[in-house]
Protein backbone atom coordinates (compact mmCIF):
# COMPACT_ATOMS: atom_id res chain seq x y z
CA MET A 1 32.90 -137.49 61.66
CA ALA A 2 31.04 -135.57 64.36
CA GLU A 3 28.88 -137.56 66.75
CA ALA A 4 25.16 -137.34 65.94
CA HIS A 5 23.18 -135.03 68.17
CA ARG A 6 20.76 -136.60 70.62
CA ALA A 7 17.97 -134.90 72.55
CA GLY A 8 15.10 -136.10 74.67
CA PHE A 9 13.01 -135.67 77.77
CA VAL A 10 13.63 -137.41 81.09
CA ALA A 11 10.97 -137.42 83.82
CA LEU A 12 12.11 -137.65 87.43
CA ILE A 13 9.31 -139.15 89.51
CA GLY A 14 8.97 -140.27 93.10
CA GLU A 15 7.36 -139.50 96.41
CA PRO A 16 7.68 -136.02 97.90
CA ASN A 17 11.15 -135.33 99.30
CA ALA A 18 12.78 -138.22 97.39
CA GLY A 19 15.42 -135.78 96.12
CA LYS A 20 14.15 -135.02 92.61
CA SER A 21 14.81 -131.28 92.77
CA THR A 22 18.26 -131.83 94.28
CA LEU A 23 19.12 -134.29 91.50
CA LEU A 24 17.81 -131.92 88.82
CA ASN A 25 19.90 -129.04 90.17
CA ARG A 26 22.97 -131.30 90.41
CA MET A 27 22.57 -132.51 86.82
CA VAL A 28 22.01 -129.03 85.41
CA GLY A 29 24.75 -127.44 87.52
CA ALA A 30 22.54 -124.57 88.68
CA LYS A 31 19.55 -124.08 90.93
CA VAL A 32 16.50 -124.21 88.67
CA SER A 33 14.16 -126.00 91.07
CA ILE A 34 13.51 -125.09 94.67
CA VAL A 35 14.75 -127.45 97.35
CA THR A 36 13.33 -127.38 100.86
CA HIS A 37 12.68 -129.89 103.61
CA LYS A 38 8.95 -129.51 102.95
CA VAL A 39 6.99 -132.02 100.91
CA GLN A 40 5.09 -130.80 97.83
CA THR A 41 7.39 -127.84 97.23
CA THR A 42 7.77 -128.46 93.50
CA ARG A 43 4.55 -127.31 91.88
CA THR A 44 5.60 -126.63 88.32
CA ARG A 45 7.09 -128.96 85.76
CA ILE A 46 10.40 -127.15 85.60
CA ARG A 47 12.56 -128.31 82.75
CA GLY A 48 16.27 -128.26 83.49
CA ILE A 49 18.56 -128.71 80.51
CA CYS A 50 21.77 -130.74 80.79
CA MET A 51 24.44 -131.24 78.12
CA SER A 52 26.41 -134.49 78.06
CA GLY A 53 28.67 -134.84 75.03
CA ALA A 54 26.48 -134.64 71.93
CA SER A 55 23.33 -135.30 73.97
CA GLN A 56 20.91 -132.74 75.35
CA ILE A 57 18.93 -134.14 78.28
CA VAL A 58 15.83 -132.14 79.16
CA PHE A 59 14.67 -132.95 82.69
CA VAL A 60 11.03 -132.69 83.65
CA ASP A 61 11.04 -132.18 87.42
CA THR A 62 7.57 -133.36 88.33
CA PRO A 63 5.69 -132.64 91.55
CA GLY A 64 6.05 -135.43 94.12
CA LEU A 65 3.48 -138.19 93.78
CA PHE A 66 1.17 -138.50 96.75
CA ARG A 67 -2.51 -139.05 97.54
CA PRO A 68 -4.25 -135.83 96.49
CA ARG A 69 -6.83 -134.13 98.72
CA ARG A 70 -7.31 -130.61 97.36
CA ARG A 71 -7.73 -129.21 93.86
CA LEU A 72 -4.11 -128.01 93.84
CA ASP A 73 -2.93 -131.48 94.92
CA ARG A 74 -4.90 -133.14 92.12
CA ALA A 75 -3.51 -130.73 89.52
CA MET A 76 0.04 -131.39 90.75
CA VAL A 77 -0.34 -135.18 90.58
CA ALA A 78 -1.92 -134.96 87.11
CA ALA A 79 1.06 -132.82 86.00
CA ALA A 80 3.47 -135.40 87.37
CA TRP A 81 1.94 -138.32 85.51
CA GLY A 82 1.49 -136.22 82.36
CA GLY A 83 5.20 -135.36 82.45
CA ALA A 84 6.13 -139.01 82.91
CA ALA A 85 3.92 -140.31 80.10
CA ASP A 86 5.37 -137.77 77.63
CA ALA A 87 9.02 -138.47 78.49
CA ASP A 88 11.50 -140.60 76.55
CA VAL A 89 12.94 -142.01 79.79
CA ILE A 90 11.54 -142.16 83.33
CA VAL A 91 13.72 -142.28 86.44
CA LEU A 92 11.98 -143.37 89.65
CA LEU A 93 13.74 -142.00 92.72
CA ILE A 94 13.38 -143.66 96.11
CA GLU A 95 15.14 -142.93 99.39
CA ALA A 96 17.55 -145.67 100.49
CA HIS A 97 16.71 -145.36 104.18
CA ARG A 98 12.94 -145.48 103.61
CA GLY A 99 12.97 -148.44 101.25
CA LEU A 100 9.89 -149.59 99.34
CA THR A 101 7.10 -147.66 101.06
CA GLU A 102 3.34 -147.90 100.50
CA GLY A 103 3.63 -144.75 98.40
CA GLY A 104 6.39 -146.37 96.35
CA LYS A 105 4.23 -149.44 95.76
CA ALA A 106 1.37 -147.21 94.58
CA ILE A 107 3.70 -145.45 92.12
CA ILE A 108 4.89 -148.81 90.74
CA ASP A 109 1.27 -149.98 90.31
CA THR A 110 0.48 -146.77 88.42
CA LEU A 111 3.59 -147.19 86.23
CA LYS A 112 2.27 -150.61 85.21
CA ASP A 113 -1.17 -149.15 84.40
CA ARG A 114 -0.39 -145.77 82.84
CA ILE A 115 3.00 -145.96 81.14
CA PRO A 116 3.24 -147.61 77.69
CA GLN A 117 5.20 -150.86 77.44
CA GLY A 118 8.64 -150.36 76.02
CA GLN A 119 9.23 -146.97 77.65
CA ALA A 120 12.60 -147.02 79.42
CA ILE A 121 12.15 -146.80 83.21
CA ALA A 122 15.22 -146.74 85.45
CA LEU A 123 15.52 -146.86 89.23
CA ALA A 124 17.71 -144.46 91.20
CA ILE A 125 18.16 -145.29 94.88
CA ASN A 126 19.04 -141.94 96.46
CA LYS A 127 20.68 -140.98 99.77
CA ILE A 128 22.87 -144.09 99.71
CA ASP A 129 25.14 -142.58 102.36
CA LYS A 130 22.38 -143.19 104.92
CA VAL A 131 22.42 -147.02 104.81
CA LYS A 132 24.88 -149.93 104.71
CA ALA A 133 25.86 -151.69 101.46
CA GLU A 134 23.99 -154.92 102.27
CA THR A 135 20.77 -152.95 102.90
CA LEU A 136 21.19 -151.27 99.50
CA LEU A 137 21.62 -154.58 97.71
CA ARG A 138 18.53 -156.05 99.39
CA LEU A 139 16.50 -152.97 98.46
CA ALA A 140 17.70 -153.12 94.84
CA GLU A 141 16.62 -156.78 94.65
CA GLU A 142 13.22 -156.00 96.21
CA MET A 143 12.59 -153.10 93.83
CA ASN A 144 13.54 -155.07 90.72
CA ALA A 145 11.32 -157.93 91.83
CA ALA A 146 8.43 -155.44 92.07
CA PHE A 147 9.09 -153.88 88.64
CA PRO A 148 11.37 -154.69 85.65
CA PHE A 149 13.58 -151.59 85.70
CA VAL A 150 15.97 -151.39 82.75
CA LYS A 151 18.79 -150.16 84.98
CA THR A 152 19.41 -149.46 88.67
CA PHE A 153 21.63 -146.64 89.96
CA MET A 154 22.90 -145.98 93.47
CA ILE A 155 23.28 -142.24 93.98
CA SER A 156 23.55 -139.39 96.43
CA ALA A 157 22.03 -136.39 94.67
CA GLU A 158 23.19 -134.09 97.46
CA ARG A 159 26.83 -135.23 97.40
CA GLY A 160 27.02 -136.09 93.72
CA HIS A 161 27.90 -139.80 94.14
CA GLY A 162 26.79 -141.86 91.14
CA VAL A 163 25.18 -138.87 89.41
CA ASP A 164 27.70 -138.82 86.54
CA ASP A 165 26.98 -142.50 85.79
CA LEU A 166 23.26 -141.80 85.66
CA ARG A 167 23.75 -138.76 83.40
CA ASP A 168 26.09 -140.66 81.05
CA TRP A 169 23.55 -143.48 80.73
CA LEU A 170 20.67 -141.08 80.07
CA ALA A 171 22.76 -139.42 77.35
CA THR A 172 22.80 -142.77 75.48
CA GLN A 173 19.06 -143.35 75.99
CA VAL A 174 17.62 -140.16 74.49
CA PRO A 175 16.89 -140.48 70.75
CA GLU A 176 18.96 -139.07 67.90
CA HIS A 177 17.46 -135.63 67.42
CA ALA A 178 18.49 -132.01 66.93
CA TRP A 179 18.87 -130.14 70.22
CA PHE A 180 15.69 -128.45 71.44
CA TYR A 181 17.45 -125.54 73.12
CA PRO A 182 20.64 -123.48 72.72
CA GLU A 183 23.68 -125.20 74.24
CA ASP A 184 24.07 -122.64 77.04
CA GLN A 185 20.41 -122.58 78.15
CA ILE A 186 19.71 -124.32 81.48
CA ALA A 187 15.91 -124.07 81.78
CA ASP A 188 12.89 -123.31 79.64
CA VAL A 189 10.99 -121.69 82.51
CA PRO A 190 10.58 -117.90 82.27
CA LEU A 191 12.93 -115.99 84.59
CA ARG A 192 9.89 -114.43 86.28
CA ALA A 193 8.68 -117.92 87.26
CA ILE A 194 12.10 -118.93 88.64
CA ALA A 195 12.23 -115.67 90.66
CA ALA A 196 8.77 -116.41 92.10
CA GLU A 197 9.85 -119.95 93.03
CA ILE A 198 12.95 -118.62 94.80
CA THR A 199 10.82 -116.26 96.89
CA ARG A 200 8.38 -119.08 97.69
CA GLU A 201 11.30 -121.24 98.83
CA LYS A 202 12.42 -118.51 101.26
CA LEU A 203 8.87 -118.21 102.57
CA THR A 204 8.66 -121.98 103.06
CA LEU A 205 11.97 -122.13 104.90
CA ARG A 206 11.16 -119.17 107.14
CA LEU A 207 7.56 -120.05 108.01
CA HIS A 208 8.28 -123.73 108.76
CA GLU A 209 5.07 -125.47 109.82
CA GLU A 210 2.81 -122.43 109.66
CA LEU A 211 1.50 -122.09 106.11
CA PRO A 212 3.81 -123.26 103.34
CA TYR A 213 0.99 -124.75 101.21
CA GLN A 214 -1.51 -121.95 101.73
CA LEU A 215 0.41 -119.33 99.82
CA THR A 216 1.69 -118.75 96.32
CA VAL A 217 3.96 -116.15 94.75
CA GLU A 218 3.59 -114.40 91.40
CA THR A 219 5.94 -112.01 89.65
CA GLU A 220 3.71 -109.11 88.70
CA ASN A 221 6.26 -106.82 87.09
CA TRP A 222 9.81 -107.19 85.71
CA GLU A 223 11.89 -104.26 84.54
CA ASP A 224 15.46 -104.53 83.23
CA ARG A 225 17.00 -101.11 83.81
CA GLU A 226 19.63 -99.23 81.81
CA ASP A 227 22.08 -99.33 84.74
CA GLY A 228 22.22 -103.15 84.45
CA SER A 229 19.95 -103.85 87.44
CA THR A 230 16.48 -105.41 87.46
CA ARG A 231 13.38 -104.32 89.40
CA ILE A 232 11.06 -107.18 90.31
CA ASP A 233 7.61 -106.73 91.89
CA GLN A 234 6.03 -109.84 93.36
CA ILE A 235 2.73 -110.59 95.08
CA ILE A 236 2.43 -113.19 97.83
CA TYR A 237 -1.14 -114.50 97.89
CA VAL A 238 -2.44 -115.96 101.14
CA GLY A 239 -5.83 -117.39 102.04
CA ARG A 240 -6.67 -115.50 105.25
CA ASP A 241 -5.98 -112.24 107.09
CA GLY A 242 -4.24 -114.18 109.86
CA HIS A 243 -1.84 -115.63 107.28
CA LYS A 244 -0.96 -112.14 106.10
CA GLY A 245 0.08 -111.23 109.62
CA ILE A 246 2.31 -114.29 109.84
CA VAL A 247 4.03 -113.47 106.55
CA LEU A 248 4.59 -109.84 107.51
CA GLY A 249 5.77 -110.62 111.05
CA ARG A 250 6.23 -108.23 113.93
CA LYS A 251 6.93 -104.74 112.57
CA GLY A 252 7.43 -106.31 109.14
CA GLU A 253 10.53 -108.20 110.24
CA THR A 254 9.58 -111.54 108.65
CA ILE A 255 8.81 -110.18 105.19
CA LYS A 256 11.96 -108.04 105.35
CA SER A 257 14.24 -111.03 106.03
CA ILE A 258 12.46 -113.11 103.34
CA SER A 259 12.89 -110.28 100.84
CA THR A 260 16.60 -109.93 101.67
CA ALA A 261 17.26 -113.66 101.24
CA ALA A 262 15.22 -113.92 98.03
CA ARG A 263 16.82 -110.80 96.53
CA ALA A 264 20.33 -112.12 97.19
CA GLU A 265 19.60 -115.47 95.57
CA ILE A 266 17.78 -113.99 92.56
CA ALA A 267 20.65 -111.54 92.03
CA GLY A 268 23.13 -114.43 92.16
CA PHE A 269 21.07 -116.41 89.67
CA LEU A 270 20.70 -113.48 87.26
CA GLU A 271 24.27 -112.26 87.87
CA ARG A 272 23.09 -108.65 88.20
CA PRO A 273 21.82 -106.31 90.95
CA VAL A 274 18.16 -106.84 91.83
CA HIS A 275 15.59 -104.53 93.48
CA LEU A 276 12.86 -106.80 94.88
CA PHE A 277 9.53 -105.46 96.13
CA LEU A 278 7.09 -107.82 97.85
CA GLN A 279 3.39 -107.27 98.56
CA VAL A 280 1.14 -109.59 100.55
CA LYS A 281 -2.48 -109.88 99.42
CA VAL A 282 -5.34 -111.89 100.90
CA ARG A 283 -7.26 -113.93 98.31
CA PRO A 284 -9.48 -116.35 100.25
CA ASN A 285 -10.05 -118.74 97.33
CA TRP A 286 -6.83 -118.44 95.32
CA GLU A 287 -6.67 -122.24 95.04
CA GLU A 288 -9.92 -122.10 93.04
CA GLU A 289 -8.73 -119.49 90.51
CA ALA A 290 -7.64 -120.77 87.11
CA GLU A 291 -5.23 -117.85 86.65
CA ARG A 292 -3.14 -118.91 89.68
CA TYR A 293 -2.71 -122.38 88.16
CA SER A 294 -1.54 -121.12 84.77
CA GLU A 295 1.11 -119.04 86.59
CA MET A 296 2.37 -122.30 88.16
CA GLY A 297 2.36 -124.19 84.85
CA LEU A 298 -0.51 -126.41 86.02
CA ASP A 299 -3.83 -127.15 84.35
CA PHE A 300 -6.79 -125.90 86.43
CA LYS A 301 -9.05 -128.58 84.93
CA ASP A 302 -6.74 -131.34 86.21
CA GLY A 303 -7.81 -130.37 89.73
CA ASN A 304 -11.42 -131.38 89.14
CA LEU A 305 -12.68 -134.28 91.22
CA LYS A 306 -12.61 -137.56 89.33
């Protein structure tokens, strides 16, 4: 008799840079969420879909939890907690070498307040290759004293250590249910949104400290051509004229290298030739426009001051 199908949603939560996007990409086996060394790079609740035996695990990769200051920050944090509350299982990621930080304590306090009793919450201590075994054991004890996690995993999302154990356990935790998506689908985000995220990642990596949070990327036009290639037109919105100059670079060199890198990765993801055209537009108050938020999968109203 065939094993009953299981399907459910798993929310990965944690502070910025804890490794959530890296873990999501490792679980899914493809790059569906952008990974950079910058905090707050994940803005949208990208769902990556992972098959494990008869189980379909749908990951909600939430924005990193931090103290919000701007409207966009508040919308991102609201999205993160909304994704966690709706999930069948929550996995809290912390970095082994940072231990239980003030931010981690705040997340645990919020878990106690906002998450219904009985919801399965596991702990994943990430980047275990950065500390000694005795430090890991002490940290695991400290974390479980602070919160009654149902299970603790020691992993390295980047190297893959312990990830299979976590995935196998999650496969047993999601409820018996028909699969939500076709077996070969890896994300429920539109391709245009993934393409925009890839370009934003290249911008973030190239511009370093200059303006990674003061820009956003939207895919304005998408055309699949008869020759098997795809033309993609994207707009990079920045807040000031000076920012536009930084993105373009001297004689357009910066935007050219960003376009080349983004085009190569998008083409690899789509497995077809891509023609990518980037425009830079100044929109002084783009962070106050509801349309920009819907493009990112965020709720504009969640950014209101509370």
